[in-house]
Protein backbone atom coordinates (compact mmCIF):
# COMPACT_ATOMS: atom_id res chain seq x y z
CA MET A 1 -23.15 3.88 -15.24
CA ARG A 2 -20.74 6.38 -13.71
CA PRO A 3 -18.72 4.89 -10.82
CA THR A 4 -18.84 6.46 -7.37
CA THR A 5 -15.72 8.25 -6.17
CA ASN A 6 -14.75 5.23 -4.06
CA GLU A 7 -15.35 2.80 -6.93
CA TYR A 8 -13.25 5.00 -9.20
CA PHE A 9 -10.23 5.24 -6.89
CA MET A 10 -10.39 1.60 -5.79
CA GLY A 11 -10.58 0.57 -9.43
CA ILE A 12 -7.42 2.57 -10.09
CA ALA A 13 -5.71 0.87 -7.11
CA GLU A 14 -6.63 -2.49 -8.63
CA LYS A 15 -5.15 -1.42 -11.96
CA VAL A 16 -1.99 -0.14 -10.27
CA ALA A 17 -1.59 -3.56 -8.60
CA GLU A 18 -1.12 -5.06 -12.06
CA ARG A 19 2.30 -3.34 -12.19
CA SER A 20 3.49 -5.26 -9.11
CA THR A 21 6.52 -7.46 -9.59
CA CYS A 22 5.91 -9.48 -6.43
CA LEU A 23 5.59 -13.21 -7.03
CA ARG A 24 3.35 -13.76 -3.98
CA ARG A 25 0.84 -10.92 -3.73
CA LYS A 26 0.08 -8.05 -6.10
CA VAL A 27 -0.90 -4.89 -4.22
CA GLY A 28 -1.79 -1.44 -5.52
CA ALA A 29 -2.27 1.82 -3.63
CA VAL A 30 -3.54 5.27 -4.57
CA LEU A 31 -3.17 8.36 -2.40
CA VAL A 32 -5.92 10.92 -2.93
CA LYS A 33 -6.34 14.46 -1.64
CA ASP A 34 -9.29 16.71 -2.45
CA LYS A 35 -10.57 14.07 -4.90
CA GLN A 36 -7.31 14.24 -6.86
CA ILE A 37 -4.70 11.48 -7.15
CA ILE A 38 -1.44 12.66 -5.61
CA SER A 39 0.51 9.41 -6.04
CA THR A 40 0.31 5.69 -6.68
CA GLY A 41 2.37 2.73 -5.58
CA TYR A 42 2.65 -0.99 -6.10
CA ASN A 43 4.79 -3.56 -4.34
CA GLY A 44 8.13 -4.15 -5.96
CA ALA A 45 11.87 -3.64 -5.71
CA PRO A 46 13.33 -0.18 -5.11
CA LYS A 47 14.20 2.07 -8.02
CA ASP A 48 16.97 0.64 -10.22
CA ALA A 49 17.09 -2.67 -8.29
CA SER A 50 16.28 -6.03 -9.83
CA HIS A 51 12.74 -7.25 -9.33
CA CYS A 52 11.76 -10.62 -7.87
CA GLU A 53 10.38 -11.58 -11.28
CA GLU A 54 13.98 -11.37 -12.52
CA VAL A 55 16.00 -12.78 -9.60
CA GLY A 56 13.55 -14.84 -7.57
CA CYS A 57 11.79 -14.37 -4.26
CA LEU A 58 13.84 -14.35 -1.04
CA ARG A 59 10.72 -15.13 0.96
CA GLU A 60 9.94 -18.21 -1.12
CA GLU A 61 13.57 -19.38 -0.99
CA ASN A 62 13.61 -19.07 2.82
CA ASP A 63 10.06 -20.36 3.47
CA VAL A 64 9.04 -17.10 5.16
CA PRO A 65 5.30 -17.11 5.99
CA SER A 66 3.11 -14.22 4.90
CA GLY A 67 3.05 -11.42 7.46
CA GLU A 68 6.42 -12.30 9.00
CA ARG A 69 9.99 -11.00 8.60
CA HIS A 70 9.15 -8.10 6.27
CA GLU A 71 12.85 -7.23 6.05
CA LEU A 72 13.50 -10.45 4.10
CA CYS A 73 12.10 -9.10 0.86
CA ARG A 74 13.50 -7.13 -2.06
CA GLY A 75 10.23 -5.28 -2.48
CA ALA A 76 8.77 -2.23 -0.82
CA HIS A 77 5.06 -2.31 -0.12
CA ALA A 78 2.58 -0.43 -2.28
CA GLU A 79 1.58 1.97 0.51
CA ALA A 80 5.21 2.87 1.27
CA ASN A 81 5.90 3.36 -2.43
CA ALA A 82 2.92 5.72 -2.75
CA VAL A 83 4.19 7.81 0.20
CA SER A 84 7.74 7.75 -1.23
CA GLN A 85 6.50 8.93 -4.62
CA SER A 86 4.71 11.86 -2.97
CA ALA A 87 7.86 12.76 -1.04
CA GLN A 88 10.03 12.52 -4.15
CA HIS A 89 7.78 15.03 -5.93
CA GLY A 90 7.29 17.30 -2.92
CA VAL A 91 3.56 16.61 -2.55
CA SER A 92 2.18 16.65 0.98
CA THR A 93 0.22 13.59 2.09
CA GLU A 94 -1.23 15.39 5.13
CA GLY A 95 -5.00 14.88 5.20
CA SER A 96 -5.00 12.38 2.35
CA THR A 97 -6.98 9.18 1.81
CA LEU A 98 -5.41 5.88 0.78
CA TYR A 99 -7.15 3.35 -1.45
CA CYS A 100 -5.37 0.00 -1.27
CA THR A 101 -6.06 -3.50 -2.46
CA THR A 102 -4.82 -4.97 0.85
CA TYR A 103 -5.02 -3.93 4.52
CA PRO A 104 -1.73 -2.29 5.55
CA CYS A 105 0.91 -4.27 7.44
CA PRO A 106 2.24 -2.77 10.70
CA MET A 107 5.22 -1.14 8.96
CA CYS A 108 3.00 0.53 6.37
CA ALA A 109 0.45 1.49 9.03
CA LYS A 110 3.19 3.39 10.88
CA THR A 111 4.34 5.06 7.66
CA LEU A 112 0.78 6.10 6.76
CA ILE A 113 0.14 7.47 10.26
CA ASN A 114 3.34 9.54 10.19
CA ALA A 115 2.55 10.74 6.65
CA GLY A 116 -0.73 12.23 7.88
CA VAL A 117 -3.09 9.88 6.02
CA GLU A 118 -6.53 10.34 7.58
CA LYS A 119 -8.56 7.57 5.97
CA ILE A 120 -7.87 4.17 4.42
CA TYR A 121 -10.13 2.15 2.13
CA TYR A 122 -8.93 -1.41 1.59
CA SER A 123 -10.34 -4.46 -0.14
CA GLY A 124 -8.19 -7.45 0.84
CA ASP A 125 -7.57 -8.60 4.38
CA TYR A 126 -4.10 -8.94 5.87
CA GLY A 127 -4.98 -9.99 9.38
CA ASP A 128 -2.53 -8.20 11.66
CA SER A 129 -3.82 -6.88 14.97
CA LEU A 130 -0.84 -4.54 15.55
CA ALA A 131 -1.60 -2.59 12.38
CA SER A 132 -5.27 -2.22 13.28
CA ASP A 133 -4.42 -1.26 16.88
CA LEU A 134 -1.99 1.44 15.72
CA LEU A 135 -4.40 2.87 13.14
CA GLU A 136 -7.25 2.96 15.66
CA GLU A 137 -5.09 4.55 18.36
CA SER A 138 -3.93 7.18 15.87
CA ASN A 139 -7.50 7.99 14.79
CA VAL A 140 -7.02 6.90 11.20
CA GLU A 141 -10.40 5.88 9.82
CA VAL A 142 -10.25 2.47 8.15
CA VAL A 143 -13.05 1.24 5.89
CA LYS A 144 -13.39 -2.21 4.32
CA TYR A 145 -14.31 -1.72 0.69
CA ASP A 146 -16.57 -4.44 -0.66
């Protein structure tokens, strides 16, 4: 049976997550505009930097709990990487929709808001009230994908 549009793009986000080099949580994101993929992203180290799979996890080494001290990580989040990829190729994200395997953290929520993302579908919870408050205040529609 042919998948719905949402099933299709969320399935691609799940596949993109497989490229993640994070040792704790594998996340994939797909930015879509006019039913076309404009970029993808997964969580991992910046371009040309060593990945956690190769050098270890700073967060594990320092016992940093999930959702805290985002700066103590070699990796960039999937959502930020998808926005960065669009910027690198000169593709506007204004009016786009994000499909992501995890609810955005506050830092990614701010990035997505400023990038003009209008709607977010997510499948995994993250549990941060600041991110949800910012997205709601900025009129970004957020939908839990089951």
